[in-house]
């Protein structure tokens, strides 16, 4: 990771925009490498309200040097700029200084597309629903529960470095359905294990990360029987009140068969009492819970109808929006077959 001159890059398109960052696709003129150019959202810059985002950028750069560059599960940061005005490069007139990060373009699709695209009719929740939440159709080349296990692998890396990695929402995860590989593109929400406790709650620890994985990447709900049920993301608002989140999950579990409810409740009880001290026991409990859900889904009377809805929703990944990422659906989805039907 080094300081870079943005003039070596040629912007080729827009990849998306979140609460903090805008991301552009670009080509490195020196190497031909495809990269992602990330800066604070222009609205915040123009109002000189981007100080918190700049602090997040500094935290990301520091944590990447300490821990992030040791794992392939973090999208490589290739370089960064000094704080400066970059109006000429981006073709605007914001008139404020800010830092820019240059990252390797992540392969695959975001598990949650950017919210602006939702208003254009894009089914931005397709990735989250099709793969971690309702993996009804699978390929033999991908192991069970790939997103969950890789998230836990990543958490273990950061835990060894003294951090709990938070805010791993689906918009921060790129996923390749063909091989089950994922990569995180934003890891700025970090909590040090010896950090001060936020007001009104215990200090951050592994239980907070476990709760996020439960919230964003699991659901006890039965799979949709119509493709429309795969369009919108689920449970993506940030966790504000731990007790409230756990109570909501408990209510949803109460409507499930006993084997699913018992497996899920056991996890909630441990998170509520902050009993997890590492990720190995949570991984075992989570695997059991996900396996019980998969067994329930396979035994449903309308399992065939649900699988057909999955296949119909998977066809959306052939649309231009998803092809705008480093993603070829014809190759990535070739292994997803049901009764001779190829996605």
Protein backbone atom coordinates (compact mmCIF):
# COMPACT_ATOMS: atom_id res chain seq x y z
CA UNK A 1 0.00 0.00 0.00
CA UNK A 2 1.52 3.30 -1.09
CA UNK A 3 0.67 6.91 -1.75
CA UNK A 4 -0.55 7.30 -5.31
CA UNK A 5 -1.16 9.97 -7.91
CA UNK A 6 -4.73 9.73 -9.17
CA UNK A 7 -3.69 10.87 -12.64
CA UNK A 8 -2.37 7.36 -13.32
CA UNK A 9 -5.98 6.13 -13.27
CA UNK A 10 -8.75 6.53 -15.85
CA UNK A 11 -12.31 6.44 -14.51
CA UNK A 12 -14.48 4.05 -16.52
CA UNK A 13 -17.79 4.06 -14.65
CA UNK A 14 -19.70 4.25 -11.40
CA UNK A 15 -19.86 1.18 -9.15
CA UNK A 16 -22.14 2.49 -6.43
CA UNK A 17 -22.61 4.74 -3.45
CA UNK A 18 -23.27 3.99 0.21
CA UNK A 19 -23.79 6.02 3.35
CA UNK A 20 -20.11 7.02 3.52
CA UNK A 21 -18.36 6.36 0.22
CA UNK A 22 -18.84 6.75 -3.50
CA UNK A 23 -17.01 4.19 -5.62
CA UNK A 24 -15.88 4.53 -9.25
CA UNK A 25 -14.42 1.89 -11.53
CA UNK A 26 -11.10 2.79 -13.11
CA UNK A 27 -8.13 1.43 -15.05
CA UNK A 28 -4.53 1.80 -13.96
CA UNK A 29 -2.86 3.33 -17.03
CA UNK A 30 0.52 1.92 -15.99
CA UNK A 31 -0.49 -1.71 -15.43
CA UNK A 32 -3.93 -2.10 -17.03
CA UNK A 33 -5.30 -3.36 -13.71
CA UNK A 34 -8.97 -2.74 -12.93
CA UNK A 35 -9.36 -0.83 -9.68
CA UNK A 36 -12.01 0.79 -7.50
CA UNK A 37 -11.60 4.47 -6.59
CA UNK A 38 -13.28 5.24 -3.27
CA UNK A 39 -13.94 8.70 -1.81
CA UNK A 40 -16.39 10.21 0.71
CA UNK A 41 -19.84 10.78 -0.76
CA UNK A 42 -19.84 14.12 -2.65
CA UNK A 43 -22.84 15.46 -0.71
CA UNK A 44 -20.87 15.27 2.54
CA UNK A 45 -17.76 16.79 0.96
CA UNK A 46 -19.63 19.75 -0.55
CA UNK A 47 -21.13 20.59 2.85
CA UNK A 48 -17.79 20.11 4.63
CA UNK A 49 -19.45 17.34 6.69
CA UNK A 50 -17.03 14.56 5.82
CA UNK A 51 -14.73 14.68 8.86
CA UNK A 52 -16.18 11.47 10.31
CA UNK A 53 -15.71 9.68 6.97
CA UNK A 54 -12.11 10.90 6.82
CA UNK A 55 -11.57 9.46 10.30
CA UNK A 56 -13.05 6.17 9.10
CA UNK A 57 -10.63 6.18 6.16
CA UNK A 58 -7.69 6.64 8.51
CA UNK A 59 -8.94 3.75 10.65
CA UNK A 60 -9.28 1.54 7.57
CA UNK A 61 -5.74 2.33 6.38
CA UNK A 62 -4.27 1.67 9.81
CA UNK A 63 -6.16 -1.60 10.34
CA UNK A 64 -5.25 -2.77 6.84
CA UNK A 65 -1.56 -2.29 7.61
CA UNK A 66 -1.89 -4.04 10.98
CA UNK A 67 -4.20 -6.93 10.07
CA UNK A 68 -6.15 -6.64 6.81
CA UNK A 69 -3.30 -7.24 4.40
CA UNK A 70 -2.73 -10.70 5.94
CA UNK A 71 -5.97 -12.20 4.60
CA UNK A 72 -7.42 -12.65 1.08
CA UNK A 73 -10.88 -12.02 2.56
CA UNK A 74 -10.21 -8.25 2.52
CA UNK A 75 -10.16 -6.53 -0.87
CA UNK A 76 -6.54 -5.34 -1.29
CA UNK A 77 -5.94 -1.62 -0.78
CA UNK A 78 -3.38 -0.65 -3.42
CA UNK A 79 -2.85 2.96 -2.43
CA UNK A 80 -4.22 6.18 -1.05
CA UNK A 81 -3.78 9.93 -1.52
CA UNK A 82 -2.91 12.71 0.84
CA UNK A 83 -5.87 14.95 1.77
CA UNK A 84 -6.30 17.33 -1.18
CA UNK A 85 -8.92 18.76 -3.50
CA UNK A 86 -9.56 16.31 -6.32
CA UNK A 87 -12.05 18.35 -8.35
CA UNK A 88 -10.06 18.01 -11.57
CA UNK A 89 -9.88 14.22 -11.39
CA UNK A 90 -13.55 13.68 -10.59
CA UNK A 91 -14.84 16.51 -12.77
CA UNK A 92 -16.70 18.41 -10.08
CA UNK A 93 -16.30 21.55 -7.98
CA UNK A 94 -16.54 20.44 -4.36
CA UNK A 95 -13.74 22.70 -3.19
CA UNK A 96 -12.80 20.60 -0.13
CA UNK A 97 -9.84 18.43 0.79
CA UNK A 98 -10.33 14.71 1.31
CA UNK A 99 -8.49 11.41 0.97
CA UNK A 100 -9.08 8.86 -1.78
CA UNK A 101 -8.42 5.13 -1.55
CA UNK A 102 -7.56 2.87 -4.48
CA UNK A 103 -8.52 -0.77 -4.12
CA UNK A 104 -8.32 -3.83 -6.31
CA UNK A 105 -11.68 -4.41 -8.00
CA UNK A 106 -13.55 -7.12 -6.15
CA UNK A 107 -14.77 -10.04 -8.20
CA UNK A 108 -18.36 -11.24 -8.02
CA UNK A 109 -21.48 -9.32 -7.04
CA UNK A 110 -22.35 -7.35 -3.93
CA UNK A 111 -24.73 -9.31 -1.73
CA UNK A 112 -26.68 -6.05 -1.57
CA UNK A 113 -26.69 -3.60 -4.47
CA UNK A 114 -26.60 0.14 -3.83
CA UNK A 115 -29.87 1.71 -2.71
CA UNK A 116 -30.06 4.19 -5.59
CA UNK A 117 -30.38 1.25 -7.98
CA UNK A 118 -33.44 0.00 -6.12
CA UNK A 119 -35.34 3.04 -7.37
CA UNK A 120 -34.48 1.97 -10.92
CA UNK A 121 -36.18 -1.38 -10.39
CA UNK A 122 -33.04 -3.42 -9.72
CA UNK A 123 -33.61 -6.37 -7.34
CA UNK A 124 -30.75 -5.27 -5.10
CA UNK A 125 -31.42 -7.94 -2.46
CA UNK A 126 -30.98 -10.87 -4.86
CA UNK A 127 -27.48 -11.82 -3.70
CA UNK A 128 -28.32 -11.81 0.01
CA UNK A 129 -31.49 -13.82 -0.52
CA UNK A 130 -30.20 -16.34 -3.05
CA UNK A 131 -26.96 -17.32 -1.35
CA UNK A 132 -26.65 -16.91 2.45
CA UNK A 133 -30.36 -16.69 3.37
CA UNK A 134 -32.12 -19.18 1.09
CA UNK A 135 -29.49 -21.39 -0.61
CA UNK A 136 -32.09 -23.81 -1.97
CA UNK A 137 -30.10 -24.57 -5.12
CA UNK A 138 -26.42 -25.32 -4.68
CA UNK A 139 -23.46 -26.41 -6.74
CA UNK A 140 -21.12 -29.22 -5.75
CA UNK A 141 -18.09 -26.94 -6.14
CA UNK A 142 -19.16 -24.76 -3.19
CA UNK A 143 -19.01 -26.07 0.41
CA UNK A 144 -21.92 -25.64 2.78
CA UNK A 145 -22.47 -22.22 4.35
CA UNK A 146 -19.62 -20.48 2.50
CA UNK A 147 -20.46 -16.89 3.44
CA UNK A 148 -20.95 -17.66 7.12
CA UNK A 149 -17.73 -19.66 7.44
CA UNK A 150 -15.61 -17.10 5.61
CA UNK A 151 -17.02 -14.28 7.72
CA UNK A 152 -15.99 -16.24 10.81
CA UNK A 153 -12.56 -16.94 9.30
CA UNK A 154 -12.17 -13.18 8.84
CA UNK A 155 -13.37 -12.39 12.34
CA UNK A 156 -10.80 -14.81 13.73
CA UNK A 157 -8.01 -13.01 11.85
CA UNK A 158 -9.04 -9.66 13.31
CA UNK A 159 -9.57 -11.13 16.78
CA UNK A 160 -5.93 -12.26 16.81
CA UNK A 161 -5.02 -8.64 16.00
CA UNK A 162 -7.07 -7.35 18.95
CA UNK A 163 -10.14 -6.23 17.00
CA UNK A 164 -13.80 -7.11 16.62
CA UNK A 165 -14.87 -6.42 13.05
CA UNK A 166 -18.39 -4.98 12.84
CA UNK A 167 -20.83 -3.58 10.25
CA UNK A 168 -20.35 -6.55 7.93
CA UNK A 169 -23.62 -5.85 6.18
CA UNK A 170 -24.33 -7.41 2.76
CA UNK A 171 -23.43 -4.22 0.84
CA UNK A 172 -19.87 -4.66 2.12
CA UNK A 173 -19.52 -8.23 0.80
CA UNK A 174 -18.75 -9.29 -2.78
CA UNK A 175 -19.50 -12.92 -3.58
CA UNK A 176 -18.62 -15.31 -6.42
CA UNK A 177 -21.35 -17.96 -6.74
CA UNK A 178 -19.18 -20.16 -8.94
CA UNK A 179 -16.57 -20.92 -6.30
CA UNK A 180 -18.22 -19.62 -3.13
CA UNK A 181 -15.48 -17.07 -2.47
CA UNK A 182 -16.25 -13.74 -0.79
CA UNK A 183 -14.31 -10.58 -0.09
CA UNK A 184 -15.00 -7.59 2.16
CA UNK A 185 -14.72 -4.14 0.57
CA UNK A 186 -15.27 -1.97 3.68
CA UNK A 187 -14.04 -2.81 7.16
CA UNK A 188 -13.98 0.58 8.85
CA UNK A 189 -16.24 -0.37 11.77
CA UNK A 190 -13.64 -1.81 14.11
CA UNK A 191 -13.71 -2.09 17.87
CA UNK A 192 -10.59 -2.75 19.93
CA UNK A 193 -11.04 -5.46 22.51
CA UNK A 194 -9.64 -3.19 25.19
CA UNK A 195 -11.63 -0.16 24.05
CA UNK A 196 -14.05 1.83 26.17
CA UNK A 197 -17.63 0.65 26.39
CA UNK A 198 -20.16 2.79 24.50
CA UNK A 199 -22.68 4.53 26.72
CA UNK A 200 -25.48 2.28 27.91
CA UNK A 201 -24.07 -1.05 26.76
CA UNK A 202 -21.25 -3.55 27.47
CA UNK A 203 -17.88 -3.23 25.72
CA UNK A 204 -17.81 -4.64 22.20
CA UNK A 205 -16.73 -8.26 21.96
CA UNK A 206 -17.19 -11.32 19.76
CA UNK A 207 -20.88 -11.58 20.70
CA UNK A 208 -21.56 -8.38 18.75
CA UNK A 209 -20.05 -9.89 15.61
CA UNK A 210 -22.02 -13.10 16.17
CA UNK A 211 -25.24 -11.11 16.41
CA UNK A 212 -24.51 -9.34 13.13
CA UNK A 213 -23.94 -12.63 11.32
CA UNK A 214 -27.25 -13.92 12.68
CA UNK A 215 -29.10 -10.76 11.67
CA UNK A 216 -27.75 -10.21 8.17
CA UNK A 217 -27.02 -13.76 6.99
CA UNK A 218 -29.59 -16.06 8.60
CA UNK A 219 -33.36 -16.18 8.81
CA UNK A 220 -35.76 -18.76 10.26
CA UNK A 221 -38.39 -17.70 7.71
CA UNK A 222 -39.49 -20.22 5.12
CA UNK A 223 -38.14 -19.61 1.60
CA UNK A 224 -40.25 -17.53 -0.80
CA UNK A 225 -42.49 -19.44 -3.17
CA UNK A 226 -42.52 -16.55 -5.65
CA UNK A 227 -39.47 -14.92 -7.20
CA UNK A 228 -40.61 -11.49 -5.99
CA UNK A 229 -39.65 -12.59 -2.48
CA UNK A 230 -35.98 -12.39 -3.52
CA UNK A 231 -36.01 -8.78 -4.68
CA UNK A 232 -35.60 -6.78 -1.48
CA UNK A 233 -32.93 -7.10 1.21
CA UNK A 234 -33.80 -8.33 4.68
CA UNK A 235 -32.89 -6.96 8.09
CA UNK A 236 -30.32 -4.46 6.84
CA UNK A 237 -30.84 -1.66 9.35
CA UNK A 238 -27.92 -1.32 11.80
CA UNK A 239 -28.15 -2.92 15.22
CA UNK A 240 -29.03 -0.20 17.74
CA UNK A 241 -30.53 -2.09 20.66
CA UNK A 242 -29.14 -5.58 21.29
CA UNK A 243 -32.03 -6.69 23.48
CA UNK A 244 -34.59 -5.56 20.93
CA UNK A 245 -32.83 -7.45 18.14
CA UNK A 246 -32.66 -10.62 20.20
CA UNK A 247 -36.34 -10.33 21.18
CA UNK A 248 -37.38 -9.97 17.52
CA UNK A 249 -35.32 -13.00 16.54
CA UNK A 250 -36.81 -15.00 19.40
CA UNK A 251 -40.35 -14.15 18.23
CA UNK A 252 -39.53 -15.33 14.71
CA UNK A 253 -38.03 -18.56 16.02
CA UNK A 254 -41.11 -19.28 18.13
CA UNK A 255 -43.05 -19.96 14.92
CA UNK A 256 -40.56 -22.59 13.69
CA UNK A 257 -40.46 -26.37 14.16
CA UNK A 258 -38.84 -27.41 17.46
CA UNK A 259 -35.51 -28.53 15.98
CA UNK A 260 -35.00 -25.15 14.27
CA UNK A 261 -36.32 -23.16 17.22
CA UNK A 262 -34.15 -24.98 19.74
CA UNK A 263 -30.96 -24.58 17.70
CA UNK A 264 -31.59 -20.88 17.11
CA UNK A 265 -32.68 -20.15 20.68
CA UNK A 266 -29.52 -21.74 22.07
CA UNK A 267 -27.46 -19.19 20.10
CA UNK A 268 -29.62 -16.25 21.14
CA UNK A 269 -29.32 -17.23 24.80
CA UNK A 270 -25.52 -17.28 24.57
CA UNK A 271 -25.35 -13.94 22.78
CA UNK A 272 -27.74 -12.41 25.31
CA UNK A 273 -25.53 -13.53 28.20
CA UNK A 274 -22.39 -12.68 26.18
CA UNK A 275 -21.17 -16.24 26.65
CA UNK A 276 -19.14 -16.56 23.46
CA UNK A 277 -15.47 -15.82 24.12
CA UNK A 278 -14.23 -16.89 20.69
CA UNK A 279 -15.71 -17.95 17.37
CA UNK A 280 -15.21 -21.74 17.41
CA UNK A 281 -18.24 -22.53 19.60
CA UNK A 282 -20.39 -20.04 17.74
CA UNK A 283 -19.33 -21.63 14.44
CA UNK A 284 -20.42 -25.04 15.70
CA UNK A 285 -23.75 -23.70 17.01
CA UNK A 286 -24.38 -21.72 13.82
CA UNK A 287 -23.64 -24.72 11.60
CA UNK A 288 -26.12 -26.83 13.56
CA UNK A 289 -28.75 -24.10 13.26
CA UNK A 290 -28.23 -23.65 9.51
CA UNK A 291 -28.34 -27.42 8.97
CA UNK A 292 -31.66 -27.67 10.81
CA UNK A 293 -33.06 -24.87 8.63
CA UNK A 294 -31.86 -26.63 5.46
CA UNK A 295 -33.53 -29.87 6.58
CA UNK A 296 -36.76 -28.01 7.31
CA UNK A 297 -36.68 -26.33 3.89
CA UNK A 298 -36.01 -29.58 2.02
CA UNK A 299 -38.95 -31.29 3.76
CA UNK A 300 -41.52 -28.56 3.01
CA UNK A 301 -44.58 -29.61 1.06
CA UNK A 302 -43.95 -26.77 -1.38
CA UNK A 303 -40.18 -27.36 -1.68
CA UNK A 304 -40.35 -27.80 -5.46
CA UNK A 305 -42.30 -24.55 -5.84
CA UNK A 306 -39.76 -22.74 -3.66
CA UNK A 307 -36.84 -24.08 -5.73
CA UNK A 308 -38.55 -22.89 -8.92
CA UNK A 309 -38.90 -19.41 -7.42
CA UNK A 310 -35.17 -19.50 -6.59
CA UNK A 311 -34.30 -20.42 -10.16
CA UNK A 312 -36.49 -17.64 -11.55
CA UNK A 313 -34.87 -15.09 -9.24
CA UNK A 314 -31.39 -16.31 -10.21
CA UNK A 315 -32.16 -15.29 -13.80
CA UNK A 316 -32.00 -11.64 -12.66
CA UNK A 317 -28.25 -12.01 -12.29
CA UNK A 318 -28.00 -12.04 -16.09
CA UNK A 319 -29.21 -8.44 -16.25
CA UNK A 320 -26.85 -5.62 -17.22
CA UNK A 321 -26.66 -4.23 -13.67
CA UNK A 322 -24.88 -7.34 -12.35
CA UNK A 323 -22.71 -7.71 -15.46
CA UNK A 324 -21.35 -4.24 -14.66
CA UNK A 325 -19.34 -5.88 -11.87
CA UNK A 326 -16.50 -8.35 -12.48
CA UNK A 327 -19.09 -11.06 -12.88
CA UNK A 328 -20.07 -13.35 -15.75
CA UNK A 329 -23.36 -15.04 -14.79
CA UNK A 330 -23.12 -17.57 -17.61
CA UNK A 331 -19.92 -18.95 -16.08
CA UNK A 332 -20.61 -18.30 -12.39
CA UNK A 333 -24.06 -19.91 -12.36
CA UNK A 334 -23.35 -22.82 -14.70
CA UNK A 335 -23.11 -25.32 -11.85
CA UNK A 336 -26.49 -24.49 -10.35
CA UNK A 337 -28.72 -27.24 -11.71
CA UNK A 338 -32.06 -28.67 -10.61
CA UNK A 339 -33.54 -31.68 -12.44
CA UNK A 340 -31.56 -30.82 -15.55
CA UNK A 341 -32.50 -27.12 -15.40
CA UNK A 342 -29.42 -24.87 -15.56
CA UNK A 343 -29.68 -21.31 -14.27
